Amino acid sequence: MKAPFFAEHMREELILHRWDLTGDDRTSVQSLTEPWMTEHSVVSVGQPLLEKGRRLATPEGPAAIESDAAVRVLLLWGRRPADPNRWHSSAGPETLLKVRALLGGY
């Protein structure tokens, strides 16, 4: 891991752990919605998980999860917001269970 990547990764970890401790307070949600948080989560966390997911099952159907930016980052890191109304999916419970298992395994 190179220093700039590590610094960004640690900054993201600190924001996530703040959310772990405080929940959906204003500062945590605002920090989670920063564009760099989504980019880092998708590139550094999401891509390896997608590769892992492809080895478990082939992608099929229009499974989608709709959420705000903060929830998207939380889901990529295997977490869920306290308020379930902040995200929605038409994928069904079995598919969502598989997604949660995949995202929780990083």
PDB file of N, CA and C in Angstrom:
ATOM      1  N   MET A   1       0.844  -1.165   0.000  1.00  0.00           N
ATOM      2  CA  MET A   1       0.000   0.000   0.000  1.00  0.00           C
ATOM      3  C   MET A   1       0.897   1.237   0.000  1.00  0.00           C
ATOM      4  N   LYS A   2       0.648   2.133  -0.926  1.00  0.00           N
ATOM      5  CA  LYS A   2       1.432   3.368  -0.990  1.00  0.00           C
ATOM      6  C   LYS A   2       0.853   4.396  -0.018  1.00  0.00           C
ATOM      7  N   ALA A   3       1.700   5.312   0.418  1.00  0.00           N
ATOM      8  CA  ALA A   3       1.320   6.279   1.455  1.00  0.00           C
ATOM      9  C   ALA A   3       0.054   7.079   1.127  1.00  0.00           C
ATOM     10  N   PRO A   4      -0.097   7.651  -0.068  1.00  0.00           N
ATOM     11  CA  PRO A   4      -1.325   8.419  -0.334  1.00  0.00           C
ATOM     12  C   PRO A   4      -2.591   7.556  -0.234  1.00  0.00           C
ATOM     13  N   PHE A   5      -2.513   6.329  -0.748  1.00  0.00           N
ATOM     14  CA  PHE A   5      -3.660   5.435  -0.664  1.00  0.00           C
ATOM     15  C   PHE A   5      -3.960   5.110   0.792  1.00  0.00           C
ATOM     16  N   PHE A   6      -2.922   4.796   1.559  1.00  0.00           N
ATOM     17  CA  PHE A   6      -3.097   4.438   2.960  1.00  0.00           C
ATOM     18  C   PHE A   6      -3.702   5.595   3.745  1.00  0.00           C
ATOM     19  N   ALA A   7      -3.245   6.804   3.487  1.00  0.00           N
ATOM     20  CA  ALA A   7      -3.784   7.980   4.186  1.00  0.00           C
ATOM     21  C   ALA A   7      -5.269   8.146   3.887  1.00  0.00           C
ATOM     22  N   GLU A   8      -5.653   8.010   2.627  1.00  0.00           N
ATOM     23  CA  GLU A   8      -7.067   8.128   2.266  1.00  0.00           C
ATOM     24  C   GLU A   8      -7.883   7.002   2.883  1.00  0.00           C
ATOM     25  N   HIS A   9      -7.331   5.810   2.877  1.00  0.00           N
ATOM     26  CA  HIS A   9      -8.028   4.663   3.449  1.00  0.00           C
ATOM     27  C   HIS A   9      -8.227   4.850   4.964  1.00  0.00           C
ATOM     28  N   MET A  10      -7.222   5.347   5.648  1.00  0.00           N
ATOM     29  CA  MET A  10      -7.348   5.583   7.084  1.00  0.00           C
ATOM     30  C   MET A  10      -8.364   6.684   7.374  1.00  0.00           C
ATOM     31  N   ARG A  11      -8.391   7.706   6.535  1.00  0.00           N
ATOM     32  CA  ARG A  11      -9.383   8.771   6.713  1.00  0.00           C
ATOM     33  C   ARG A  11     -10.784   8.193   6.578  1.00  0.00           C
ATOM     34  N   GLU A  12     -10.969   7.308   5.597  1.00  0.00           N
ATOM     35  CA  GLU A  12     -12.269   6.672   5.425  1.00  0.00           C
ATOM     36  C   GLU A  12     -12.613   5.786   6.614  1.00  0.00           C
ATOM     37  N   GLU A  13     -11.646   5.033   7.087  1.00  0.00           N
ATOM     38  CA  GLU A  13     -11.871   4.169   8.266  1.00  0.00           C
ATOM     39  C   GLU A  13     -12.300   5.005   9.470  1.00  0.00           C
ATOM     40  N   LEU A  14     -11.668   6.148   9.679  1.00  0.00           N
ATOM     41  CA  LEU A  14     -12.036   6.994  10.809  1.00  0.00           C
ATOM     42  C   LEU A  14     -13.468   7.504  10.689  1.00  0.00           C
ATOM     43  N   ILE A  15     -13.860   7.881   9.490  1.00  0.00           N
ATOM     44  CA  ILE A  15     -15.240   8.343   9.281  1.00  0.00           C
ATOM     45  C   ILE A  15     -16.222   7.208   9.528  1.00  0.00           C
ATOM     46  N   LEU A  16     -15.918   6.023   9.019  1.00  0.00           N
ATOM     47  CA  LEU A  16     -16.803   4.871   9.239  1.00  0.00           C
ATOM     48  C   LEU A  16     -16.913   4.511  10.715  1.00  0.00           C
ATOM     49  N   HIS A  17     -15.796   4.528  11.421  1.00  0.00           N
ATOM     50  CA  HIS A  17     -15.841   4.182  12.841  1.00  0.00           C
ATOM     51  C   HIS A  17     -16.518   5.270  13.666  1.00  0.00           C
ATOM     52  N   ARG A  18     -16.431   6.510  13.205  1.00  0.00           N
ATOM     53  CA  ARG A  18     -17.215   7.560  13.872  1.00  0.00           C
ATOM     54  C   ARG A  18     -18.695   7.226  13.750  1.00  0.00           C
ATOM     55  N   TRP A  19     -19.112   6.815  12.530  1.00  0.00           N
ATOM     56  CA  TRP A  19     -20.508   6.435  12.328  1.00  0.00           C
ATOM     57  C   TRP A  19     -20.857   5.232  13.209  1.00  0.00           C
ATOM     58  N   ASP A  20     -19.939   4.252  13.315  1.00  0.00           N
ATOM     59  CA  ASP A  20     -20.181   3.098  14.180  1.00  0.00           C
ATOM     60  C   ASP A  20     -20.499   3.527  15.607  1.00  0.00           C
ATOM     61  N   LEU A  21     -19.806   4.558  16.081  1.00  0.00           N
ATOM     62  CA  LEU A  21     -19.970   5.007  17.464  1.00  0.00           C
ATOM     63  C   LEU A  21     -21.127   5.972  17.663  1.00  0.00           C
ATOM     64  N   THR A  22     -21.367   6.838  16.685  1.00  0.00           N
ATOM     65  CA  THR A  22     -22.369   7.901  16.877  1.00  0.00           C
ATOM     66  C   THR A  22     -23.647   7.692  16.085  1.00  0.00           C
ATOM     67  N   GLY A  23     -23.614   6.839  15.063  1.00  0.00           N
ATOM     68  CA  GLY A  23     -24.788   6.641  14.223  1.00  0.00           C
ATOM     69  C   GLY A  23     -24.966   7.786  13.246  1.00  0.00           C
ATOM     70  N   ASP A  24     -26.202   8.057  12.914  1.00  0.00           N
ATOM     71  CA  ASP A  24     -26.518   9.030  11.873  1.00  0.00           C
ATOM     72  C   ASP A  24     -26.537  10.466  12.381  1.00  0.00           C
ATOM     73  N   ASP A  25     -25.493  10.875  13.062  1.00  0.00           N
ATOM     74  CA  ASP A  25     -25.432  12.281  13.450  1.00  0.00           C
ATOM     75  C   ASP A  25     -25.052  13.110  12.228  1.00  0.00           C
ATOM     76  N   ARG A  26     -25.239  14.397  12.324  1.00  0.00           N
ATOM     77  CA  ARG A  26     -25.051  15.294  11.179  1.00  0.00           C
ATOM     78  C   ARG A  26     -23.644  15.202  10.580  1.00  0.00           C
ATOM     79  N   THR A  27     -22.622  15.202  11.424  1.00  0.00           N
ATOM     80  CA  THR A  27     -21.241  15.162  10.941  1.00  0.00           C
ATOM     81  C   THR A  27     -20.940  13.852  10.226  1.00  0.00           C
ATOM     82  N   SER A  28     -21.390  12.736  10.799  1.00  0.00           N
ATOM     83  CA  SER A  28     -21.144  11.435  10.167  1.00  0.00           C
ATOM     84  C   SER A  28     -21.795  11.348   8.796  1.00  0.00           C
ATOM     85  N   VAL A  29     -23.049  11.725   8.710  1.00  0.00           N
ATOM     86  CA  VAL A  29     -23.763  11.646   7.433  1.00  0.00           C
ATOM     87  C   VAL A  29     -23.130  12.576   6.409  1.00  0.00           C
ATOM     88  N   GLN A  30     -22.776  13.778   6.819  1.00  0.00           N
ATOM     89  CA  GLN A  30     -22.145  14.723   5.900  1.00  0.00           C
ATOM     90  C   GLN A  30     -20.810  14.165   5.401  1.00  0.00           C
ATOM     91  N   SER A  31     -20.026  13.581   6.284  1.00  0.00           N
ATOM     92  CA  SER A  31     -18.733  13.014   5.880  1.00  0.00           C
ATOM     93  C   SER A  31     -18.915  11.824   4.942  1.00  0.00           C
ATOM     94  N   LEU A  32     -19.921  10.995   5.212  1.00  0.00           N
ATOM     95  CA  LEU A  32     -20.166   9.823   4.365  1.00  0.00           C
ATOM     96  C   LEU A  32     -20.625  10.193   2.965  1.00  0.00           C
ATOM     97  N   THR A  33     -21.192  11.382   2.806  1.00  0.00           N
ATOM     98  CA  THR A  33     -21.687  11.789   1.484  1.00  0.00           C
ATOM     99  C   THR A  33     -20.623  12.460   0.619  1.00  0.00           C
ATOM    100  N   GLU A  34     -19.425  12.638   1.130  1.00  0.00           N
ATOM    101  CA  GLU A  34     -18.350  13.239   0.336  1.00  0.00           C
ATOM    102  C   GLU A  34     -18.076  12.369  -0.887  1.00  0.00           C
ATOM    103  N   PRO A  35     -17.968  12.965  -2.079  1.00  0.00           N
ATOM    104  CA  PRO A  35     -17.736  12.178  -3.295  1.00  0.00           C
ATOM    105  C   PRO A  35     -16.516  11.260  -3.218  1.00  0.00           C
ATOM    106  N   TRP A  36     -15.441  11.697  -2.569  1.00  0.00           N
ATOM    107  CA  TRP A  36     -14.247  10.850  -2.480  1.00  0.00           C
ATOM    108  C   TRP A  36     -14.523   9.586  -1.673  1.00  0.00           C
ATOM    109  N   MET A  37     -15.478   9.656  -0.713  1.00  0.00           N
ATOM    110  CA  MET A  37     -15.823   8.457   0.069  1.00  0.00           C
ATOM    111  C   MET A  37     -16.434   7.399  -0.842  1.00  0.00           C
ATOM    112  N   THR A  38     -17.351   7.809  -1.708  1.00  0.00           N
ATOM    113  CA  THR A  38     -17.967   6.857  -2.629  1.00  0.00           C
ATOM    114  C   THR A  38     -16.927   6.307  -3.595  1.00  0.00           C
ATOM    115  N   GLU A  39     -16.096   7.195  -4.138  1.00  0.00           N
ATOM    116  CA  GLU A  39     -15.088   6.748  -5.100  1.00  0.00           C
ATOM    117  C   GLU A  39     -14.125   5.746  -4.461  1.00  0.00           C
ATOM    118  N   HIS A  40     -13.629   6.057  -3.287  1.00  0.00           N
ATOM    119  CA  HIS A  40     -12.695   5.149  -2.614  1.00  0.00           C
ATOM    120  C   HIS A  40     -13.385   3.823  -2.262  1.00  0.00           C
ATOM    121  N   SER A  41     -14.615   3.905  -1.809  1.00  0.00           N
ATOM    122  CA  SER A  41     -15.345   2.685  -1.447  1.00  0.00           C
ATOM    123  C   SER A  41     -15.580   1.789  -2.650  1.00  0.00           C
ATOM    124  N   VAL A  42     -15.937   2.397  -3.774  1.00  0.00           N
ATOM    125  CA  VAL A  42     -16.202   1.612  -4.979  1.00  0.00           C
ATOM    126  C   VAL A  42     -14.914   1.013  -5.527  1.00  0.00           C
ATOM    127  N   VAL A  43     -13.862   1.807  -5.612  1.00  0.00           N
ATOM    128  CA  VAL A  43     -12.608   1.332  -6.197  1.00  0.00           C
ATOM    129  C   VAL A  43     -11.881   0.375  -5.256  1.00  0.00           C
ATOM    130  N   SER A  44     -11.759   0.754  -3.996  1.00  0.00           N
ATOM    131  CA  SER A  44     -10.948  -0.031  -3.071  1.00  0.00           C
ATOM    132  C   SER A  44     -11.692  -1.168  -2.395  1.00  0.00           C
ATOM    133  N   VAL A  45     -12.976  -1.004  -2.213  1.00  0.00           N
ATOM    134  CA  VAL A  45     -13.763  -2.034  -1.533  1.00  0.00           C
ATOM    135  C   VAL A  45     -14.684  -2.751  -2.515  1.00  0.00           C
ATOM    136  N   GLY A  46     -15.398  -1.976  -3.302  1.00  0.00           N
ATOM    137  CA  GLY A  46     -16.408  -2.555  -4.188  1.00  0.00           C
ATOM    138  C   GLY A  46     -15.860  -3.480  -5.253  1.00  0.00           C
ATOM    139  N   GLN A  47     -14.800  -3.083  -5.932  1.00  0.00           N
ATOM    140  CA  GLN A  47     -14.272  -3.926  -7.008  1.00  0.00           C
ATOM    141  C   GLN A  47     -13.794  -5.282  -6.505  1.00  0.00           C
ATOM    142  N   PRO A  48     -13.016  -5.351  -5.413  1.00  0.00           N
ATOM    143  CA  PRO A  48     -12.638  -6.675  -4.915  1.00  0.00           C
ATOM    144  C   PRO A  48     -13.847  -7.516  -4.508  1.00  0.00           C
ATOM    145  N   LEU A  49     -14.878  -6.866  -3.940  1.00  0.00           N
ATOM    146  CA  LEU A  49     -16.074  -7.621  -3.550  1.00  0.00           C
ATOM    147  C   LEU A  49     -16.851  -8.107  -4.767  1.00  0.00           C
ATOM    148  N   LEU A  50     -16.887  -7.282  -5.825  1.00  0.00           N
ATOM    149  CA  LEU A  50     -17.560  -7.731  -7.044  1.00  0.00           C
ATOM    150  C   LEU A  50     -16.858  -8.949  -7.626  1.00  0.00           C
ATOM    151  N   GLU A  51     -15.543  -8.951  -7.610  1.00  0.00           N
ATOM    152  CA  GLU A  51     -14.795 -10.114  -8.091  1.00  0.00           C
ATOM    153  C   GLU A  51     -15.111 -11.337  -7.238  1.00  0.00           C
ATOM    154  N   LYS A  52     -15.148 -11.158  -5.935  1.00  0.00           N
ATOM    155  CA  LYS A  52     -15.496 -12.253  -5.028  1.00  0.00           C
ATOM    156  C   LYS A  52     -16.919 -12.728  -5.306  1.00  0.00           C
ATOM    157  N   GLY A  53     -17.828 -11.797  -5.519  1.00  0.00           N
ATOM    158  CA  GLY A  53     -19.226 -12.143  -5.801  1.00  0.00           C
ATOM    159  C   GLY A  53     -19.390 -12.907  -7.099  1.00  0.00           C
ATOM    160  N   ARG A  54     -18.621 -12.544  -8.108  1.00  0.00           N
ATOM    161  CA  ARG A  54     -18.688 -13.248  -9.393  1.00  0.00           C
ATOM    162  C   ARG A  54     -18.259 -14.703  -9.249  1.00  0.00           C
ATOM    163  N   ARG A  55     -17.324 -14.962  -8.362  1.00  0.00           N
ATOM    164  CA  ARG A  55     -16.890 -16.345  -8.144  1.00  0.00           C
ATOM    165  C   ARG A  55     -17.975 -17.156  -7.432  1.00  0.00           C
ATOM    166  N   LEU A  56     -18.848 -16.485  -6.647  1.00  0.00           N
ATOM    167  CA  LEU A  56     -19.920 -17.181  -5.923  1.00  0.00           C
ATOM    168  C   LEU A  56     -21.139 -17.399  -6.776  1.00  0.00           C
ATOM    169  N   ALA A  57     -21.455 -16.477  -7.659  1.00  0.00           N
ATOM    170  CA  ALA A  57     -22.658 -16.599  -8.497  1.00  0.00           C
ATOM    171  C   ALA A  57     -22.544 -15.644  -9.675  1.00  0.00           C
ATOM    172  N   THR A  58     -23.135 -16.023 -10.796  1.00  0.00           N
ATOM    173  CA  THR A  58     -23.124 -15.144 -11.954  1.00  0.00           C
ATOM    174  C   THR A  58     -24.196 -14.065 -11.783  1.00  0.00           C
ATOM    175  N   PRO A  59     -23.914 -12.844 -12.245  1.00  0.00           N
ATOM    176  CA  PRO A  59     -24.914 -11.783 -12.143  1.00  0.00           C
ATOM    177  C   PRO A  59     -26.126 -12.107 -13.011  1.00  0.00           C
ATOM    178  N   GLU A  60     -27.292 -11.851 -12.472  1.00  0.00           N
ATOM    179  CA  GLU A  60     -28.509 -12.049 -13.254  1.00  0.00           C
ATOM    180  C   GLU A  60     -29.593 -11.105 -12.766  1.00  0.00           C
ATOM    181  N   GLY A  61     -30.443 -10.690 -13.661  1.00  0.00           N
ATOM    182  CA  GLY A  61     -31.585  -9.861 -13.306  1.00  0.00           C
ATOM    183  C   GLY A  61     -31.236  -8.426 -12.952  1.00  0.00           C
ATOM    184  N   PRO A  62     -32.277  -7.615 -12.742  1.00  0.00           N
ATOM    185  CA  PRO A  62     -32.105  -6.185 -12.493  1.00  0.00           C
ATOM    186  C   PRO A  62     -31.988  -5.822 -11.016  1.00  0.00           C
ATOM    187  N   ALA A  63     -31.359  -6.666 -10.201  1.00  0.00           N
ATOM    188  CA  ALA A  63     -31.266  -6.356  -8.772  1.00  0.00           C
ATOM    189  C   ALA A  63     -30.613  -4.999  -8.572  1.00  0.00           C
ATOM    190  N   ALA A  64     -31.286  -4.149  -7.823  1.00  0.00           N
ATOM    191  CA  ALA A  64     -30.771  -2.805  -7.584  1.00  0.00           C
ATOM    192  C   ALA A  64     -31.100  -2.387  -6.172  1.00  0.00           C
ATOM    193  N   ILE A  65     -30.206  -1.639  -5.600  1.00  0.00           N
ATOM    194  CA  ILE A  65     -30.450  -1.031  -4.300  1.00  0.00           C
ATOM    195  C   ILE A  65     -30.363   0.468  -4.505  1.00  0.00           C
ATOM    196  N   GLU A  66     -31.407   1.164  -4.134  1.00  0.00           N
ATOM    197  CA  GLU A  66     -31.437   2.617  -4.248  1.00  0.00           C
ATOM    198  C   GLU A  66     -31.257   3.211  -2.862  1.00  0.00           C
ATOM    199  N   SER A  67     -30.356   4.205  -2.769  1.00  0.00           N
ATOM    200  CA  SER A  67     -30.092   4.813  -1.472  1.00  0.00           C
ATOM    201  C   SER A  67     -29.464   6.185  -1.658  1.00  0.00           C
ATOM    202  N   ASP A  68     -29.312   6.890  -0.536  1.00  0.00           N
ATOM    203  CA  ASP A  68     -28.568   8.141  -0.594  1.00  0.00           C
ATOM    204  C   ASP A  68     -27.074   7.820  -0.557  1.00  0.00           C
ATOM    205  N   ALA A  69     -26.245   8.816  -0.785  1.00  0.00           N
ATOM    206  CA  ALA A  69     -24.796   8.603  -0.894  1.00  0.00           C
ATOM    207  C   ALA A  69     -24.195   8.021   0.380  1.00  0.00           C
ATOM    208  N   ALA A  70     -24.637   8.489   1.540  1.00  0.00           N
ATOM    209  CA  ALA A  70     -24.087   7.988   2.799  1.00  0.00           C
ATOM    210  C   ALA A  70     -24.412   6.507   2.981  1.00  0.00           C
ATOM    211  N   VAL A  71     -25.633   6.116   2.685  1.00  0.00           N
ATOM    212  CA  VAL A  71     -26.037   4.711   2.818  1.00  0.00           C
ATOM    213  C   VAL A  71     -25.270   3.844   1.830  1.00  0.00           C
ATOM    214  N   ARG A  72     -25.026   4.344   0.648  1.00  0.00           N
ATOM    215  CA  ARG A  72     -24.271   3.583  -0.356  1.00  0.00           C
ATOM    216  C   ARG A  72     -22.886   3.216   0.184  1.00  0.00           C
ATOM    217  N   VAL A  73     -22.213   4.181   0.815  1.00  0.00           N
ATOM    218  CA  VAL A  73     -20.901   3.908   1.398  1.00  0.00           C
ATOM    219  C   VAL A  73     -21.029   2.903   2.535  1.00  0.00           C
ATOM    220  N   LEU A  74     -22.033   3.085   3.386  1.00  0.00           N
ATOM    221  CA  LEU A  74     -22.224   2.153   4.502  1.00  0.00           C
ATOM    222  C   LEU A  74     -22.466   0.730   3.996  1.00  0.00           C
ATOM    223  N   LEU A  75     -23.299   0.575   2.973  1.00  0.00           N
ATOM    224  CA  LEU A  75     -23.585  -0.751   2.434  1.00  0.00           C
ATOM    225  C   LEU A  75     -22.330  -1.397   1.853  1.00  0.00           C
ATOM    226  N   LEU A  76     -21.500  -0.595   1.160  1.00  0.00           N
ATOM    227  CA  LEU A  76     -20.262  -1.138   0.605  1.00  0.00           C
ATOM    228  C   LEU A  76     -19.319  -1.631   1.693  1.00  0.00           C
ATOM    229  N   TRP A  77     -19.437  -1.067   2.879  1.00  0.00           N
ATOM    230  CA  TRP A  77     -18.586  -1.473   3.989  1.00  0.00           C
ATOM    231  C   TRP A  77     -19.290  -2.473   4.912  1.00  0.00           C
ATOM    232  N   GLY A  78     -20.393  -3.061   4.444  1.00  0.00           N
ATOM    233  CA  GLY A  78     -21.067  -4.098   5.219  1.00  0.00           C
ATOM    234  C   GLY A  78     -21.885  -3.589   6.389  1.00  0.00           C
ATOM    235  N   ARG A  79     -22.284  -2.325   6.353  1.00  0.00           N
ATOM    236  CA  ARG A  79     -23.081  -1.749   7.432  1.00  0.00           C
ATOM    237  C   ARG A  79     -24.447  -1.354   6.897  1.00  0.00           C
ATOM    238  N   ARG A  80     -25.384  -1.120   7.816  1.00  0.00           N
ATOM    239  CA  ARG A  80     -26.718  -0.658   7.443  1.00  0.00           C
ATOM    240  C   ARG A  80     -27.095   0.535   8.299  1.00  0.00           C
ATOM    241  N   PRO A  81     -27.786   1.516   7.723  1.00  0.00           N
ATOM    242  CA  PRO A  81     -28.205   2.674   8.515  1.00  0.00           C
ATOM    243  C   PRO A  81     -29.302   2.274   9.504  1.00  0.00           C
ATOM    244  N   ALA A  82     -29.406   3.041  10.567  1.00  0.00           N
ATOM    245  CA  ALA A  82     -30.435   2.769  11.575  1.00  0.00           C
ATOM    246  C   ALA A  82     -31.837   2.923  10.986  1.00  0.00           C
ATOM    247  N   ASP A  83     -31.995   3.848  10.067  1.00  0.00           N
ATOM    248  CA  ASP A  83     -33.301   4.107   9.456  1.00  0.00           C
ATOM    249  C   ASP A  83     -33.428   3.311   8.155  1.00  0.00           C
ATOM    250  N   PRO A  84     -34.223   2.240   8.150  1.00  0.00           N
ATOM    251  CA  PRO A  84     -34.349   1.416   6.946  1.00  0.00           C
ATOM    252  C   PRO A  84     -35.044   2.125   5.784  1.00  0.00           C
ATOM    253  N   ASN A  85     -35.659   3.265   6.031  1.00  0.00           N
ATOM    254  CA  ASN A  85     -36.321   4.020   4.959  1.00  0.00           C
ATOM    255  C   ASN A  85     -35.333   4.754   4.062  1.00  0.00           C
ATOM    256  N   ARG A  86     -34.053   4.742   4.422  1.00  0.00           N
ATOM    257  CA  ARG A  86     -33.047   5.459   3.630  1.00  0.00           C
ATOM    258  C   ARG A  86     -32.561   4.656   2.438  1.00  0.00           C
ATOM    259  N   TRP A  87     -33.012   3.397   2.309  1.00  0.00           N
ATOM    260  CA  TRP A  87     -32.646   2.608   1.135  1.00  0.00           C
ATOM    261  C   TRP A  87     -33.814   1.709   0.751  1.00  0.00           C
ATOM    262  N   HIS A  88     -33.829   1.323  -0.523  1.00  0.00           N
ATOM    263  CA  HIS A  88     -34.921   0.522  -1.056  1.00  0.00           C
ATOM    264  C   HIS A  88     -34.364  -0.441  -2.101  1.00  0.00           C
ATOM    265  N   SER A  89     -34.964  -1.615  -2.161  1.00  0.00           N
ATOM    266  CA  SER A  89     -34.543  -2.571  -3.171  1.00  0.00           C
ATOM    267  C   SER A  89     -35.752  -3.373  -3.641  1.00  0.00           C
ATOM    268  N   SER A  90     -35.717  -3.721  -4.912  1.00  0.00           N
ATOM    269  CA  SER A  90     -36.748  -4.595  -5.469  1.00  0.00           C
ATOM    270  C   SER A  90     -36.183  -5.996  -5.704  1.00  0.00           C
ATOM    271  N   ALA A  91     -35.017  -6.269  -5.132  1.00  0.00           N
ATOM    272  CA  ALA A  91     -34.322  -7.529  -5.391  1.00  0.00           C
ATOM    273  C   ALA A  91     -34.927  -8.721  -4.672  1.00  0.00           C
ATOM    274  N   GLY A  92     -35.616  -8.523  -3.581  1.00  0.00           N
ATOM    275  CA  GLY A  92     -36.176  -9.628  -2.826  1.00  0.00           C
ATOM    276  C   GLY A  92     -35.261 -10.076  -1.698  1.00  0.00           C
ATOM    277  N   PRO A  93     -35.827 -10.716  -0.673  1.00  0.00           N
ATOM    278  CA  PRO A  93     -35.062 -11.039   0.529  1.00  0.00           C
ATOM    279  C   PRO A  93     -33.899 -12.002   0.313  1.00  0.00           C
ATOM    280  N   GLU A  94     -34.060 -12.994  -0.541  1.00  0.00           N
ATOM    281  CA  GLU A  94     -32.969 -13.955  -0.756  1.00  0.00           C
ATOM    282  C   GLU A  94     -31.756 -13.288  -1.394  1.00  0.00           C
ATOM    283  N   THR A  95     -32.000 -12.461  -2.385  1.00  0.00           N
ATOM    284  CA  THR A  95     -30.908 -11.760  -3.051  1.00  0.00           C
ATOM    285  C   THR A  95     -30.251 -10.769  -2.108  1.00  0.00           C
ATOM    286  N   LEU A  96     -31.053 -10.046  -1.330  1.00  0.00           N
ATOM    287  CA  LEU A  96     -30.487  -9.083  -0.379  1.00  0.00           C
ATOM    288  C   LEU A  96     -29.654  -9.787   0.685  1.00  0.00           C
ATOM    289  N   LEU A  97     -30.056 -10.974   1.099  1.00  0.00           N
ATOM    290  CA  LEU A  97     -29.267 -11.737   2.059  1.00  0.00           C
ATOM    291  C   LEU A  97     -27.905 -12.104   1.465  1.00  0.00           C
ATOM    292  N   LYS A  98     -27.886 -12.480   0.191  1.00  0.00           N
ATOM    293  CA  LYS A  98     -26.623 -12.787  -0.478  1.00  0.00           C
ATOM    294  C   LYS A  98     -25.741 -11.552  -0.586  1.00  0.00           C
ATOM    295  N   VAL A  99     -26.354 -10.410  -0.912  1.00  0.00           N
ATOM    296  CA  VAL A  99     -25.599  -9.156  -1.003  1.00  0.00           C
ATOM    297  C   VAL A  99     -25.017  -8.791   0.350  1.00  0.00           C
ATOM    298  N   ARG A 100     -25.816  -8.895   1.404  1.00  0.00           N
ATOM    299  CA  ARG A 100     -25.327  -8.578   2.753  1.00  0.00           C
ATOM    300  C   ARG A 100     -24.178  -9.516   3.151  1.00  0.00           C
ATOM    301  N   ALA A 101     -24.307 -10.790   2.811  1.00  0.00           N
ATOM    302  CA  ALA A 101     -23.232 -11.744   3.146  1.00  0.00           C
ATOM    303  C   ALA A 101     -21.956 -11.385   2.392  1.00  0.00           C
ATOM    304  N   LEU A 102     -22.096 -10.998   1.146  1.00  0.00           N
ATOM    305  CA  LEU A 102     -20.936 -10.621   0.348  1.00  0.00           C
ATOM    306  C   LEU A 102     -20.279  -9.365   0.902  1.00  0.00           C
ATOM    307  N   LEU A 103     -21.073  -8.329   1.158  1.00  0.00           N
ATOM    308  CA  LEU A 103     -20.522  -7.059   1.636  1.00  0.00           C
ATOM    309  C   LEU A 103     -19.999  -7.166   3.063  1.00  0.00           C
ATOM    310  N   GLY A 104     -20.559  -8.047   3.848  1.00  0.00           N
ATOM    311  CA  GLY A 104     -20.100  -8.225   5.226  1.00  0.00           C
ATOM    312  C   GLY A 104     -18.799  -9.001   5.317  1.00  0.00           C
ATOM    313  N   GLY A 105     -18.375  -9.596   4.200  1.00  0.00           N
ATOM    314  CA  GLY A 105     -17.201 -10.455   4.240  1.00  0.00           C
ATOM    315  C   GLY A 105     -15.912  -9.812   3.847  1.00  0.00           C
ATOM    316  N   TYR A 106     -15.866  -8.486   3.793  1.00  0.00           N
ATOM    317  CA  TYR A 106     -14.620  -7.841   3.387  1.00  0.00           C
ATOM    318  C   TYR A 106     -13.773  -7.533   4.582  1.00  0.00           C
TER     319      TYR A 106
END
